[in-house]
């Protein structure tokens, strides 16, 4: 089984969830459960930054899970922003997906950028 890391950092303005490793069929259930657990403890109107810079592989199922997570957060009034390495594979995967599939995903190059970007 692949190792997946999830690190939680609480800031004054957001919850940052940094993931590392491969997110695929072997790890997706664990990741989804941990993301939901972490985000459910945040009182509205919060921001969740999902940092994928440390992720080396993201399957299509995992991309759907990220999208569903953002949707679940939005239903509770929680804004979600995604961080992906600007030179990495994950950003290229996210760029291949049509906007119709990822309208909730605001993608940033770094956690500081995601934290300090104006709300839309």
PDB file of N, CA and C in Angstrom:
ATOM      1  N   UNK A   1       0.840  -1.185   0.000  1.00  0.00           N
ATOM      2  CA  UNK A   1       0.000   0.000   0.000  1.00  0.00           C
ATOM      3  C   UNK A   1       0.882   1.244   0.000  1.00  0.00           C
ATOM      4  N   UNK A   2       0.513   2.223  -0.806  1.00  0.00           N
ATOM      5  CA  UNK A   2       1.250   3.474  -0.888  1.00  0.00           C
ATOM      6  C   UNK A   2       1.068   4.286   0.385  1.00  0.00           C
ATOM      7  N   UNK A   3       2.112   4.974   0.762  1.00  0.00           N
ATOM      8  CA  UNK A   3       2.023   5.885   1.888  1.00  0.00           C
ATOM      9  C   UNK A   3       1.509   7.229   1.409  1.00  0.00           C
ATOM     10  N   UNK A   4       0.572   7.779   2.124  1.00  0.00           N
ATOM     11  CA  UNK A   4       0.050   9.106   1.841  1.00  0.00           C
ATOM     12  C   UNK A   4       0.195   9.911   3.111  1.00  0.00           C
ATOM     13  N   UNK A   5       0.656  11.127   2.965  1.00  0.00           N
ATOM     14  CA  UNK A   5       0.801  11.991   4.128  1.00  0.00           C
ATOM     15  C   UNK A   5      -0.200  13.123   4.072  1.00  0.00           C
ATOM     16  N   UNK A   6      -0.779  13.438   5.205  1.00  0.00           N
ATOM     17  CA  UNK A   6      -1.685  14.579   5.309  1.00  0.00           C
ATOM     18  C   UNK A   6      -1.268  15.365   6.543  1.00  0.00           C
ATOM     19  N   UNK A   7      -0.883  16.609   6.316  1.00  0.00           N
ATOM     20  CA  UNK A   7      -0.469  17.481   7.409  1.00  0.00           C
ATOM     21  C   UNK A   7      -1.455  18.627   7.522  1.00  0.00           C
ATOM     22  N   UNK A   8      -1.943  18.826   8.724  1.00  0.00           N
ATOM     23  CA  UNK A   8      -2.924  19.893   8.986  1.00  0.00           C
ATOM     24  C   UNK A   8      -2.218  21.062   9.658  1.00  0.00           C
ATOM     25  N   UNK A   9      -2.463  22.265   9.126  1.00  0.00           N
ATOM     26  CA  UNK A   9      -1.950  23.492   9.718  1.00  0.00           C
ATOM     27  C   UNK A   9      -3.099  24.482   9.825  1.00  0.00           C
ATOM     28  N   UNK A  10      -3.366  24.944  11.024  1.00  0.00           N
ATOM     29  CA  UNK A  10      -4.398  25.956  11.231  1.00  0.00           C
ATOM     30  C   UNK A  10      -3.742  27.328  11.276  1.00  0.00           C
ATOM     31  N   UNK A  11      -4.264  28.269  10.481  1.00  0.00           N
ATOM     32  CA  UNK A  11      -3.784  29.646  10.515  1.00  0.00           C
ATOM     33  C   UNK A  11      -4.918  30.510  11.058  1.00  0.00           C
ATOM     34  N   UNK A  12      -4.671  31.799  11.149  1.00  0.00           N
ATOM     35  CA  UNK A  12      -5.728  32.709  11.610  1.00  0.00           C
ATOM     36  C   UNK A  12      -6.888  32.773  10.635  1.00  0.00           C
ATOM     37  N   UNK A  13      -6.610  32.514   9.360  1.00  0.00           N
ATOM     38  CA  UNK A  13      -7.633  32.698   8.334  1.00  0.00           C
ATOM     39  C   UNK A  13      -8.031  31.428   7.598  1.00  0.00           C
ATOM     40  N   UNK A  14      -7.326  30.329   7.831  1.00  0.00           N
ATOM     41  CA  UNK A  14      -7.608  29.144   7.012  1.00  0.00           C
ATOM     42  C   UNK A  14      -7.111  27.870   7.671  1.00  0.00           C
ATOM     43  N   UNK A  15      -7.592  26.786   7.113  1.00  0.00           N
ATOM     44  CA  UNK A  15      -7.084  25.454   7.408  1.00  0.00           C
ATOM     45  C   UNK A  15      -6.301  25.019   6.176  1.00  0.00           C
ATOM     46  N   UNK A  16      -5.031  24.669   6.358  1.00  0.00           N
ATOM     47  CA  UNK A  16      -4.204  24.196   5.252  1.00  0.00           C
ATOM     48  C   UNK A  16      -4.004  22.699   5.426  1.00  0.00           C
ATOM     49  N   UNK A  17      -4.357  21.944   4.393  1.00  0.00           N
ATOM     50  CA  UNK A  17      -4.178  20.500   4.386  1.00  0.00           C
ATOM     51  C   UNK A  17      -3.169  20.175   3.299  1.00  0.00           C
ATOM     52  N   UNK A  18      -1.964  19.784   3.703  1.00  0.00           N
ATOM     53  CA  UNK A  18      -0.896  19.460   2.760  1.00  0.00           C
ATOM     54  C   UNK A  18      -0.838  17.956   2.572  1.00  0.00           C
ATOM     55  N   UNK A  19      -0.959  17.518   1.335  1.00  0.00           N
ATOM     56  CA  UNK A  19      -0.915  16.096   1.014  1.00  0.00           C
ATOM     57  C   UNK A  19       0.413  15.766   0.353  1.00  0.00           C
ATOM     58  N   UNK A  20       0.871  14.545   0.579  1.00  0.00           N
ATOM     59  CA  UNK A  20       2.080  14.071  -0.081  1.00  0.00           C
ATOM     60  C   UNK A  20       1.900  12.607  -0.433  1.00  0.00           C
ATOM     61  N   UNK A  21       2.618  12.181  -1.456  1.00  0.00           N
ATOM     62  CA  UNK A  21       2.535  10.799  -1.900  1.00  0.00           C
ATOM     63  C   UNK A  21       1.660  10.660  -3.122  1.00  0.00           C
ATOM     64  N   UNK A  22       1.161   9.461  -3.338  1.00  0.00           N
ATOM     65  CA  UNK A  22       0.321   9.159  -4.490  1.00  0.00           C
ATOM     66  C   UNK A  22      -1.126   9.001  -4.042  1.00  0.00           C
ATOM     67  N   UNK A  23      -2.023   9.673  -4.743  1.00  0.00           N
ATOM     68  CA  UNK A  23      -3.449   9.534  -4.448  1.00  0.00           C
ATOM     69  C   UNK A  23      -4.061   8.767  -5.607  1.00  0.00           C
ATOM     70  N   UNK A  24      -4.400   7.510  -5.326  1.00  0.00           N
ATOM     71  CA  UNK A  24      -4.960   6.627  -6.338  1.00  0.00           C
ATOM     72  C   UNK A  24      -5.993   5.725  -5.674  1.00  0.00           C
ATOM     73  N   UNK A  25      -6.401   4.665  -6.347  1.00  0.00           N
ATOM     74  CA  UNK A  25      -7.428   3.780  -5.785  1.00  0.00           C
ATOM     75  C   UNK A  25      -7.029   3.174  -4.446  1.00  0.00           C
ATOM     76  N   UNK A  26      -5.741   2.977  -4.237  1.00  0.00           N
ATOM     77  CA  UNK A  26      -5.278   2.367  -2.987  1.00  0.00           C
ATOM     78  C   UNK A  26      -5.357   3.332  -1.807  1.00  0.00           C
ATOM     79  N   UNK A  27      -5.312   4.619  -2.062  1.00  0.00           N
ATOM     80  CA  UNK A  27      -5.257   5.598  -0.968  1.00  0.00           C
ATOM     81  C   UNK A  27      -6.453   6.545  -0.920  1.00  0.00           C
ATOM     82  N   UNK A  28      -7.285   6.533  -1.935  1.00  0.00           N
ATOM     83  CA  UNK A  28      -8.335   7.549  -2.059  1.00  0.00           C
ATOM     84  C   UNK A  28      -9.326   7.546  -0.892  1.00  0.00           C
ATOM     85  N   UNK A  29      -9.725   6.369  -0.417  1.00  0.00           N
ATOM     86  CA  UNK A  29     -10.698   6.321   0.684  1.00  0.00           C
ATOM     87  C   UNK A  29     -10.125   6.940   1.953  1.00  0.00           C
ATOM     88  N   UNK A  30      -8.880   6.644   2.252  1.00  0.00           N
ATOM     89  CA  UNK A  30      -8.230   7.228   3.434  1.00  0.00           C
ATOM     90  C   UNK A  30      -8.131   8.733   3.304  1.00  0.00           C
ATOM     91  N   UNK A  31      -7.703   9.193   2.141  1.00  0.00           N
ATOM     92  CA  UNK A  31      -7.559  10.638   1.918  1.00  0.00           C
ATOM     93  C   UNK A  31      -8.911  11.329   2.032  1.00  0.00           C
ATOM     94  N   UNK A  32      -9.930  10.803   1.370  1.00  0.00           N
ATOM     95  CA  UNK A  32     -11.262  11.423   1.421  1.00  0.00           C
ATOM     96  C   UNK A  32     -11.782  11.507   2.848  1.00  0.00           C
ATOM     97  N   UNK A  33     -11.618  10.430   3.602  1.00  0.00           N
ATOM     98  CA  UNK A  33     -12.086  10.408   4.992  1.00  0.00           C
ATOM     99  C   UNK A  33     -11.350  11.448   5.839  1.00  0.00           C
ATOM    100  N   UNK A  34     -10.035  11.527   5.678  1.00  0.00           N
ATOM    101  CA  UNK A  34      -9.246  12.480   6.463  1.00  0.00           C
ATOM    102  C   UNK A  34      -9.546  13.928   6.077  1.00  0.00           C
ATOM    103  N   UNK A  35      -9.741  14.191   4.786  1.00  0.00           N
ATOM    104  CA  UNK A  35     -10.083  15.550   4.364  1.00  0.00           C
ATOM    105  C   UNK A  35     -11.425  15.975   4.942  1.00  0.00           C
ATOM    106  N   UNK A  36     -12.413  15.103   4.846  1.00  0.00           N
ATOM    107  CA  UNK A  36     -13.733  15.441   5.384  1.00  0.00           C
ATOM    108  C   UNK A  36     -13.682  15.647   6.893  1.00  0.00           C
ATOM    109  N   UNK A  37     -12.936  14.808   7.583  1.00  0.00           N
ATOM    110  CA  UNK A  37     -12.808  14.941   9.037  1.00  0.00           C
ATOM    111  C   UNK A  37     -12.173  16.292   9.392  1.00  0.00           C
ATOM    112  N   UNK A  38     -11.120  16.632   8.707  1.00  0.00           N
ATOM    113  CA  UNK A  38     -10.424  17.892   8.993  1.00  0.00           C
ATOM    114  C   UNK A  38     -11.297  19.099   8.673  1.00  0.00           C
ATOM    115  N   UNK A  39     -11.947  19.087   7.521  1.00  0.00           N
ATOM    116  CA  UNK A  39     -12.746  20.241   7.102  1.00  0.00           C
ATOM    117  C   UNK A  39     -14.017  20.395   7.920  1.00  0.00           C
ATOM    118  N   UNK A  40     -14.557  19.316   8.437  1.00  0.00           N
ATOM    119  CA  UNK A  40     -15.800  19.411   9.199  1.00  0.00           C
ATOM    120  C   UNK A  40     -15.600  20.097  10.546  1.00  0.00           C
ATOM    121  N   UNK A  41     -14.354  20.183  10.995  1.00  0.00           N
ATOM    122  CA  UNK A  41     -14.102  20.837  12.280  1.00  0.00           C
ATOM    123  C   UNK A  41     -13.915  22.344  12.151  1.00  0.00           C
ATOM    124  N   UNK A  42     -14.026  22.860  10.918  1.00  0.00           N
ATOM    125  CA  UNK A  42     -13.807  24.288  10.674  1.00  0.00           C
ATOM    126  C   UNK A  42     -15.138  25.028  10.748  1.00  0.00           C
ATOM    127  N   UNK A  43     -15.270  26.067  11.565  1.00  0.00           N
ATOM    128  CA  UNK A  43     -16.528  26.825  11.564  1.00  0.00           C
ATOM    129  C   UNK A  43     -16.576  27.805  10.383  1.00  0.00           C
ATOM    130  N   UNK A  44     -17.741  27.986   9.745  1.00  0.00           N
ATOM    131  CA  UNK A  44     -17.850  28.951   8.640  1.00  0.00           C
ATOM    132  C   UNK A  44     -17.676  30.379   9.136  1.00  0.00           C
ATOM    133  N   UNK A  45     -17.249  31.343   8.331  1.00  0.00           N
ATOM    134  CA  UNK A  45     -16.901  31.190   6.916  1.00  0.00           C
ATOM    135  C   UNK A  45     -15.401  30.995   6.730  1.00  0.00           C
ATOM    136  N   UNK A  46     -14.950  29.783   6.714  1.00  0.00           N
ATOM    137  CA  UNK A  46     -13.524  29.499   6.622  1.00  0.00           C
ATOM    138  C   UNK A  46     -13.036  29.313   5.197  1.00  0.00           C
ATOM    139  N   UNK A  47     -11.769  29.127   5.117  1.00  0.00           N
ATOM    140  CA  UNK A  47     -11.082  28.810   3.870  1.00  0.00           C
ATOM    141  C   UNK A  47     -10.288  27.540   4.113  1.00  0.00           C
ATOM    142  N   UNK A  48     -10.378  26.600   3.182  1.00  0.00           N
ATOM    143  CA  UNK A  48      -9.547  25.408   3.227  1.00  0.00           C
ATOM    144  C   UNK A  48      -8.608  25.463   2.030  1.00  0.00           C
ATOM    145  N   UNK A  49      -7.312  25.375   2.310  1.00  0.00           N
ATOM    146  CA  UNK A  49      -6.309  25.314   1.248  1.00  0.00           C
ATOM    147  C   UNK A  49      -5.833  23.874   1.171  1.00  0.00           C
ATOM    148  N   UNK A  50      -6.042  23.269   0.018  1.00  0.00           N
ATOM    149  CA  UNK A  50      -5.624  21.897  -0.217  1.00  0.00           C
ATOM    150  C   UNK A  50      -4.313  21.948  -1.002  1.00  0.00           C
ATOM    151  N   UNK A  51      -3.223  21.676  -0.299  1.00  0.00           N
ATOM    152  CA  UNK A  51      -1.883  21.793  -0.883  1.00  0.00           C
ATOM    153  C   UNK A  51      -1.479  20.457  -1.498  1.00  0.00           C
ATOM    154  N   UNK A  52      -1.470  20.415  -2.833  1.00  0.00           N
ATOM    155  CA  UNK A  52      -1.113  19.202  -3.559  1.00  0.00           C
ATOM    156  C   UNK A  52       0.322  19.238  -4.074  1.00  0.00           C
ATOM    157  N   UNK A  53       1.108  20.215  -3.638  1.00  0.00           N
ATOM    158  CA  UNK A  53       2.480  20.363  -4.137  1.00  0.00           C
ATOM    159  C   UNK A  53       3.328  19.131  -3.847  1.00  0.00           C
ATOM    160  N   UNK A  54       3.028  18.407  -2.791  1.00  0.00           N
ATOM    161  CA  UNK A  54       3.794  17.218  -2.432  1.00  0.00           C
ATOM    162  C   UNK A  54       3.231  15.927  -2.998  1.00  0.00           C
ATOM    163  N   UNK A  55       2.195  16.022  -3.809  1.00  0.00           N
ATOM    164  CA  UNK A  55       1.572  14.838  -4.400  1.00  0.00           C
ATOM    165  C   UNK A  55       2.312  14.486  -5.681  1.00  0.00           C
ATOM    166  N   UNK A  56       2.710  13.230  -5.800  1.00  0.00           N
ATOM    167  CA  UNK A  56       3.462  12.793  -6.975  1.00  0.00           C
ATOM    168  C   UNK A  56       2.579  12.163  -8.051  1.00  0.00           C
ATOM    169  N   UNK A  57       1.370  11.740  -7.683  1.00  0.00           N
ATOM    170  CA  UNK A  57       0.449  11.147  -8.646  1.00  0.00           C
ATOM    171  C   UNK A  57      -0.967  11.408  -8.178  1.00  0.00           C
ATOM    172  N   UNK A  58      -1.846  11.744  -9.133  1.00  0.00           N
ATOM    173  CA  UNK A  58      -3.253  12.007  -8.842  1.00  0.00           C
ATOM    174  C   UNK A  58      -4.073  11.294  -9.909  1.00  0.00           C
ATOM    175  N   UNK A  59      -4.763  10.225  -9.517  1.00  0.00           N
ATOM    176  CA  UNK A  59      -5.573   9.477 -10.483  1.00  0.00           C
ATOM    177  C   UNK A  59      -6.830  10.267 -10.825  1.00  0.00           C
ATOM    178  N   UNK A  60      -7.529   9.824 -11.854  1.00  0.00           N
ATOM    179  CA  UNK A  60      -8.791  10.461 -12.225  1.00  0.00           C
ATOM    180  C   UNK A  60      -9.785  10.352 -11.075  1.00  0.00           C
ATOM    181  N   UNK A  61      -9.812   9.216 -10.406  1.00  0.00           N
ATOM    182  CA  UNK A  61     -10.697   9.049  -9.245  1.00  0.00           C
ATOM    183  C   UNK A  61     -10.331  10.030  -8.144  1.00  0.00           C
ATOM    184  N   UNK A  62      -9.055  10.256  -7.956  1.00  0.00           N
ATOM    185  CA  UNK A  62      -8.606  11.206  -6.939  1.00  0.00           C
ATOM    186  C   UNK A  62      -8.985  12.630  -7.324  1.00  0.00           C
ATOM    187  N   UNK A  63      -8.902  12.939  -8.607  1.00  0.00           N
ATOM    188  CA  UNK A  63      -9.321  14.265  -9.065  1.00  0.00           C
ATOM    189  C   UNK A  63     -10.808  14.467  -8.801  1.00  0.00           C
ATOM    190  N   UNK A  64     -11.592  13.432  -9.053  1.00  0.00           N
ATOM    191  CA  UNK A  64     -13.028  13.516  -8.741  1.00  0.00           C
ATOM    192  C   UNK A  64     -13.247  13.708  -7.238  1.00  0.00           C
ATOM    193  N   UNK A  65     -12.440  13.030  -6.430  1.00  0.00           N
ATOM    194  CA  UNK A  65     -12.551  13.171  -4.974  1.00  0.00           C
ATOM    195  C   UNK A  65     -12.234  14.605  -4.549  1.00  0.00           C
ATOM    196  N   UNK A  66     -11.196  15.211  -5.129  1.00  0.00           N
ATOM    197  CA  UNK A  66     -10.848  16.607  -4.812  1.00  0.00           C
ATOM    198  C   UNK A  66     -12.014  17.515  -5.199  1.00  0.00           C
ATOM    199  N   UNK A  67     -12.585  17.283  -6.361  1.00  0.00           N
ATOM    200  CA  UNK A  67     -13.722  18.084  -6.814  1.00  0.00           C
ATOM    201  C   UNK A  67     -14.914  17.907  -5.877  1.00  0.00           C
ATOM    202  N   UNK A  68     -15.196  16.662  -5.480  1.00  0.00           N
ATOM    203  CA  UNK A  68     -16.305  16.398  -4.557  1.00  0.00           C
ATOM    204  C   UNK A  68     -16.052  17.040  -3.200  1.00  0.00           C
ATOM    205  N   UNK A  69     -14.801  17.020  -2.756  1.00  0.00           N
ATOM    206  CA  UNK A  69     -14.444  17.662  -1.485  1.00  0.00           C
ATOM    207  C   UNK A  69     -14.724  19.158  -1.558  1.00  0.00           C
ATOM    208  N   UNK A  70     -14.314  19.790  -2.659  1.00  0.00           N
ATOM    209  CA  UNK A  70     -14.572  21.225  -2.828  1.00  0.00           C
ATOM    210  C   UNK A  70     -16.074  21.503  -2.852  1.00  0.00           C
ATOM    211  N   UNK A  71     -16.834  20.626  -3.499  1.00  0.00           N
ATOM    212  CA  UNK A  71     -18.282  20.788  -3.533  1.00  0.00           C
ATOM    213  C   UNK A  71     -18.911  20.635  -2.165  1.00  0.00           C
ATOM    214  N   UNK A  72     -18.446  19.665  -1.414  1.00  0.00           N
ATOM    215  CA  UNK A  72     -18.943  19.448  -0.054  1.00  0.00           C
ATOM    216  C   UNK A  72     -18.639  20.654   0.831  1.00  0.00           C
ATOM    217  N   UNK A  73     -17.446  21.189   0.678  1.00  0.00           N
ATOM    218  CA  UNK A  73     -17.072  22.387   1.434  1.00  0.00           C
ATOM    219  C   UNK A  73     -17.976  23.563   1.048  1.00  0.00           C
ATOM    220  N   UNK A  74     -18.189  23.744  -0.253  1.00  0.00           N
ATOM    221  CA  UNK A  74     -19.013  24.861  -0.726  1.00  0.00           C
ATOM    222  C   UNK A  74     -20.429  24.789  -0.177  1.00  0.00           C
ATOM    223  N   UNK A  75     -20.970  23.587  -0.066  1.00  0.00           N
ATOM    224  CA  UNK A  75     -22.315  23.409   0.482  1.00  0.00           C
ATOM    225  C   UNK A  75     -22.404  23.882   1.931  1.00  0.00           C
ATOM    226  N   UNK A  76     -21.271  23.849   2.637  1.00  0.00           N
ATOM    227  CA  UNK A  76     -21.238  24.313   4.033  1.00  0.00           C
ATOM    228  C   UNK A  76     -20.725  25.739   4.149  1.00  0.00           C
ATOM    229  N   UNK A  77     -20.549  26.418   3.013  1.00  0.00           N
ATOM    230  CA  UNK A  77     -20.074  27.799   3.026  1.00  0.00           C
ATOM    231  C   UNK A  77     -18.569  27.914   3.197  1.00  0.00           C
ATOM    232  N   UNK A  78     -17.845  26.841   2.939  1.00  0.00           N
ATOM    233  CA  UNK A  78     -16.396  26.819   3.086  1.00  0.00           C
ATOM    234  C   UNK A  78     -15.763  27.003   1.706  1.00  0.00           C
ATOM    235  N   UNK A  79     -14.913  28.009   1.575  1.00  0.00           N
ATOM    236  CA  UNK A  79     -14.179  28.215   0.318  1.00  0.00           C
ATOM    237  C   UNK A  79     -13.006  27.244   0.268  1.00  0.00           C
ATOM    238  N   UNK A  80     -12.702  26.751  -0.925  1.00  0.00           N
ATOM    239  CA  UNK A  80     -11.596  25.821  -1.118  1.00  0.00           C
ATOM    240  C   UNK A  80     -10.663  26.370  -2.188  1.00  0.00           C
ATOM    241  N   UNK A  81      -9.374  26.321  -1.900  1.00  0.00           N
ATOM    242  CA  UNK A  81      -8.352  26.688  -2.872  1.00  0.00           C
ATOM    243  C   UNK A  81      -7.349  25.552  -2.941  1.00  0.00           C
ATOM    244  N   UNK A  82      -6.816  25.325  -4.129  1.00  0.00           N
ATOM    245  CA  UNK A  82      -5.885  24.227  -4.357  1.00  0.00           C
ATOM    246  C   UNK A  82      -4.522  24.806  -4.718  1.00  0.00           C
ATOM    247  N   UNK A  83      -3.475  24.217  -4.149  1.00  0.00           N
ATOM    248  CA  UNK A  83      -2.098  24.589  -4.480  1.00  0.00           C
ATOM    249  C   UNK A  83      -1.485  23.430  -5.249  1.00  0.00           C
ATOM    250  N   UNK A  84      -0.862  23.764  -6.385  1.00  0.00           N
ATOM    251  CA  UNK A  84      -0.149  22.759  -7.184  1.00  0.00           C
ATOM    252  C   UNK A  84       1.156  23.373  -7.656  1.00  0.00           C
ATOM    253  N   UNK A  85       2.205  22.591  -7.628  1.00  0.00           N
ATOM    254  CA  UNK A  85       3.517  23.037  -8.094  1.00  0.00           C
ATOM    255  C   UNK A  85       3.385  23.510  -9.539  1.00  0.00           C
ATOM    256  N   UNK A  86       3.773  24.761  -9.832  1.00  0.00           N
ATOM    257  CA  UNK A  86       3.591  25.288 -11.188  1.00  0.00           C
ATOM    258  C   UNK A  86       4.375  24.521 -12.256  1.00  0.00           C
ATOM    259  N   UNK A  87       5.393  23.787 -11.864  1.00  0.00           N
ATOM    260  CA  UNK A  87       6.184  23.005 -12.819  1.00  0.00           C
ATOM    261  C   UNK A  87       5.914  21.501 -12.706  1.00  0.00           C
ATOM    262  N   UNK A  88       4.900  21.142 -11.940  1.00  0.00           N
ATOM    263  CA  UNK A  88       4.695  19.729 -11.634  1.00  0.00           C
ATOM    264  C   UNK A  88       3.618  19.047 -12.447  1.00  0.00           C
ATOM    265  N   UNK A  89       3.582  17.743 -12.297  1.00  0.00           N
ATOM    266  CA  UNK A  89       2.637  16.888 -12.994  1.00  0.00           C
ATOM    267  C   UNK A  89       1.189  17.179 -12.591  1.00  0.00           C
ATOM    268  N   UNK A  90       0.961  17.459 -11.332  1.00  0.00           N
ATOM    269  CA  UNK A  90      -0.416  17.643 -10.855  1.00  0.00           C
ATOM    270  C   UNK A  90      -1.071  18.837 -11.534  1.00  0.00           C
ATOM    271  N   UNK A  91      -0.346  19.932 -11.689  1.00  0.00           N
ATOM    272  CA  UNK A  91      -0.916  21.097 -12.373  1.00  0.00           C
ATOM    273  C   UNK A  91      -1.234  20.748 -13.828  1.00  0.00           C
ATOM    274  N   UNK A  92      -0.372  19.979 -14.459  1.00  0.00           N
ATOM    275  CA  UNK A  92      -0.648  19.581 -15.847  1.00  0.00           C
ATOM    276  C   UNK A  92      -1.917  18.734 -15.912  1.00  0.00           C
ATOM    277  N   UNK A  93      -2.118  17.861 -14.929  1.00  0.00           N
ATOM    278  CA  UNK A  93      -3.345  17.055 -14.881  1.00  0.00           C
ATOM    279  C   UNK A  93      -4.553  17.959 -14.689  1.00  0.00           C
ATOM    280  N   UNK A  94      -4.466  18.891 -13.759  1.00  0.00           N
ATOM    281  CA  UNK A  94      -5.575  19.808 -13.508  1.00  0.00           C
ATOM    282  C   UNK A  94      -5.875  20.657 -14.738  1.00  0.00           C
ATOM    283  N   UNK A  95      -4.828  21.051 -15.471  1.00  0.00           N
ATOM    284  CA  UNK A  95      -5.018  21.864 -16.681  1.00  0.00           C
ATOM    285  C   UNK A  95      -5.696  21.099 -17.806  1.00  0.00           C
ATOM    286  N   UNK A  96      -5.599  19.784 -17.809  1.00  0.00           N
ATOM    287  CA  UNK A  96      -6.209  18.977 -18.860  1.00  0.00           C
ATOM    288  C   UNK A  96      -7.713  18.815 -18.678  1.00  0.00           C
ATOM    289  N   UNK A  97      -8.175  19.057 -17.489  1.00  0.00           N
ATOM    290  CA  UNK A  97      -9.591  18.852 -17.180  1.00  0.00           C
ATOM    291  C   UNK A  97     -10.375  20.095 -17.597  1.00  0.00           C
ATOM    292  N   UNK A  98     -11.470  19.911 -18.322  1.00  0.00           N
ATOM    293  CA  UNK A  98     -12.256  21.075 -18.751  1.00  0.00           C
ATOM    294  C   UNK A  98     -12.814  21.854 -17.566  1.00  0.00           C
ATOM    295  N   UNK A  99     -13.013  23.149 -17.775  1.00  0.00           N
ATOM    296  CA  UNK A  99     -13.536  24.014 -16.708  1.00  0.00           C
ATOM    297  C   UNK A  99     -14.883  23.539 -16.183  1.00  0.00           C
ATOM    298  N   UNK A 100     -15.642  22.863 -17.007  1.00  0.00           N
ATOM    299  CA  UNK A 100     -16.943  22.355 -16.546  1.00  0.00           C
ATOM    300  C   UNK A 100     -16.786  21.360 -15.411  1.00  0.00           C
ATOM    301  N   UNK A 101     -15.633  20.662 -15.370  1.00  0.00           N
ATOM    302  CA  UNK A 101     -15.409  19.666 -14.330  1.00  0.00           C
ATOM    303  C   UNK A 101     -14.828  20.280 -13.064  1.00  0.00           C
ATOM    304  N   UNK A 102     -14.105  21.373 -13.204  1.00  0.00           N
ATOM    305  CA  UNK A 102     -13.414  21.943 -12.047  1.00  0.00           C
ATOM    306  C   UNK A 102     -13.766  23.408 -11.785  1.00  0.00           C
ATOM    307  N   UNK A 103     -15.043  23.799 -11.858  1.00  0.00           N
ATOM    308  CA  UNK A 103     -15.351  25.222 -11.660  1.00  0.00           C
ATOM    309  C   UNK A 103     -15.100  25.710 -10.237  1.00  0.00           C
ATOM    310  N   UNK A 104     -15.136  24.820  -9.261  1.00  0.00           N
ATOM    311  CA  UNK A 104     -14.944  25.239  -7.874  1.00  0.00           C
ATOM    312  C   UNK A 104     -13.471  25.339  -7.482  1.00  0.00           C
ATOM    313  N   UNK A 105     -12.594  24.796  -8.307  1.00  0.00           N
ATOM    314  CA  UNK A 105     -11.191  24.704  -7.930  1.00  0.00           C
ATOM    315  C   UNK A 105     -10.421  25.936  -8.376  1.00  0.00           C
ATOM    316  N   UNK A 106     -10.041  26.739  -7.420  1.00  0.00           N
ATOM    317  CA  UNK A 106      -9.151  27.861  -7.670  1.00  0.00           C
ATOM    318  C   UNK A 106      -7.748  27.338  -7.405  1.00  0.00           C
ATOM    319  N   UNK A 107      -6.875  27.418  -8.407  1.00  0.00           N
ATOM    320  CA  UNK A 107      -5.547  26.815  -8.306  1.00  0.00           C
ATOM    321  C   UNK A 107      -4.487  27.896  -8.186  1.00  0.00           C
ATOM    322  N   UNK A 108      -3.588  27.707  -7.217  1.00  0.00           N
ATOM    323  CA  UNK A 108      -2.528  28.675  -6.924  1.00  0.00           C
ATOM    324  C   UNK A 108      -1.183  27.969  -6.928  1.00  0.00           C
ATOM    325  N   UNK A 109      -0.116  28.768  -7.066  1.00  0.00           N
ATOM    326  CA  UNK A 109       1.247  28.233  -7.126  1.00  0.00           C
ATOM    327  C   UNK A 109       1.843  27.927  -5.759  1.00  0.00           C
ATOM    328  N   UNK A 110       1.329  28.563  -4.706  1.00  0.00           N
ATOM    329  CA  UNK A 110       1.910  28.384  -3.375  1.00  0.00           C
ATOM    330  C   UNK A 110       0.840  28.590  -2.310  1.00  0.00           C
ATOM    331  N   UNK A 111       1.126  28.083  -1.127  1.00  0.00           N
ATOM    332  CA  UNK A 111       0.197  28.269  -0.005  1.00  0.00           C
ATOM    333  C   UNK A 111       0.052  29.755   0.339  1.00  0.00           C
ATOM    334  N   UNK A 112       1.146  30.532   0.456  1.00  0.00           N
ATOM    335  CA  UNK A 112       0.971  31.955   0.747  1.00  0.00           C
ATOM    336  C   UNK A 112       0.090  32.672  -0.300  1.00  0.00           C
ATOM    337  N   UNK A 113       0.290  32.326  -1.558  1.00  0.00           N
ATOM    338  CA  UNK A 113      -0.528  32.933  -2.605  1.00  0.00           C
ATOM    339  C   UNK A 113      -2.001  32.578  -2.408  1.00  0.00           C
ATOM    340  N   UNK A 114      -2.281  31.325  -2.091  1.00  0.00           N
ATOM    341  CA  UNK A 114      -3.661  30.892  -1.874  1.00  0.00           C
ATOM    342  C   UNK A 114      -4.270  31.557  -0.639  1.00  0.00           C
ATOM    343  N   UNK A 115      -3.476  31.714   0.391  1.00  0.00           N
ATOM    344  CA  UNK A 115      -3.973  32.328   1.624  1.00  0.00           C
ATOM    345  C   UNK A 115      -4.284  33.810   1.459  1.00  0.00           C
ATOM    346  N   UNK A 116      -3.506  34.494   0.637  1.00  0.00           N
ATOM    347  CA  UNK A 116      -3.628  35.948   0.541  1.00  0.00           C
ATOM    348  C   UNK A 116      -4.357  36.442  -0.695  1.00  0.00           C
ATOM    349  N   UNK A 117      -4.826  35.527  -1.532  1.00  0.00           N
ATOM    350  CA  UNK A 117      -5.575  35.928  -2.724  1.00  0.00           C
ATOM    351  C   UNK A 117      -6.918  36.513  -2.306  1.00  0.00           C
ATOM    352  N   UNK A 118      -7.392  37.526  -3.030  1.00  0.00           N
ATOM    353  CA  UNK A 118      -8.696  38.084  -2.694  1.00  0.00           C
ATOM    354  C   UNK A 118      -9.811  37.080  -2.940  1.00  0.00           C
ATOM    355  N   UNK A 119     -10.865  37.168  -2.170  1.00  0.00           N
ATOM    356  CA  UNK A 119     -12.023  36.289  -2.342  1.00  0.00           C
ATOM    357  C   UNK A 119     -12.777  36.681  -3.594  1.00  0.00           C
ATOM    358  N   UNK A 120     -13.340  35.670  -4.235  1.00  0.00           N
ATOM    359  CA  UNK A 120     -14.160  35.948  -5.423  1.00  0.00           C
ATOM    360  C   UNK A 120     -15.556  35.494  -5.184  1.00  0.00           C
TER     361      UNK A 120
END
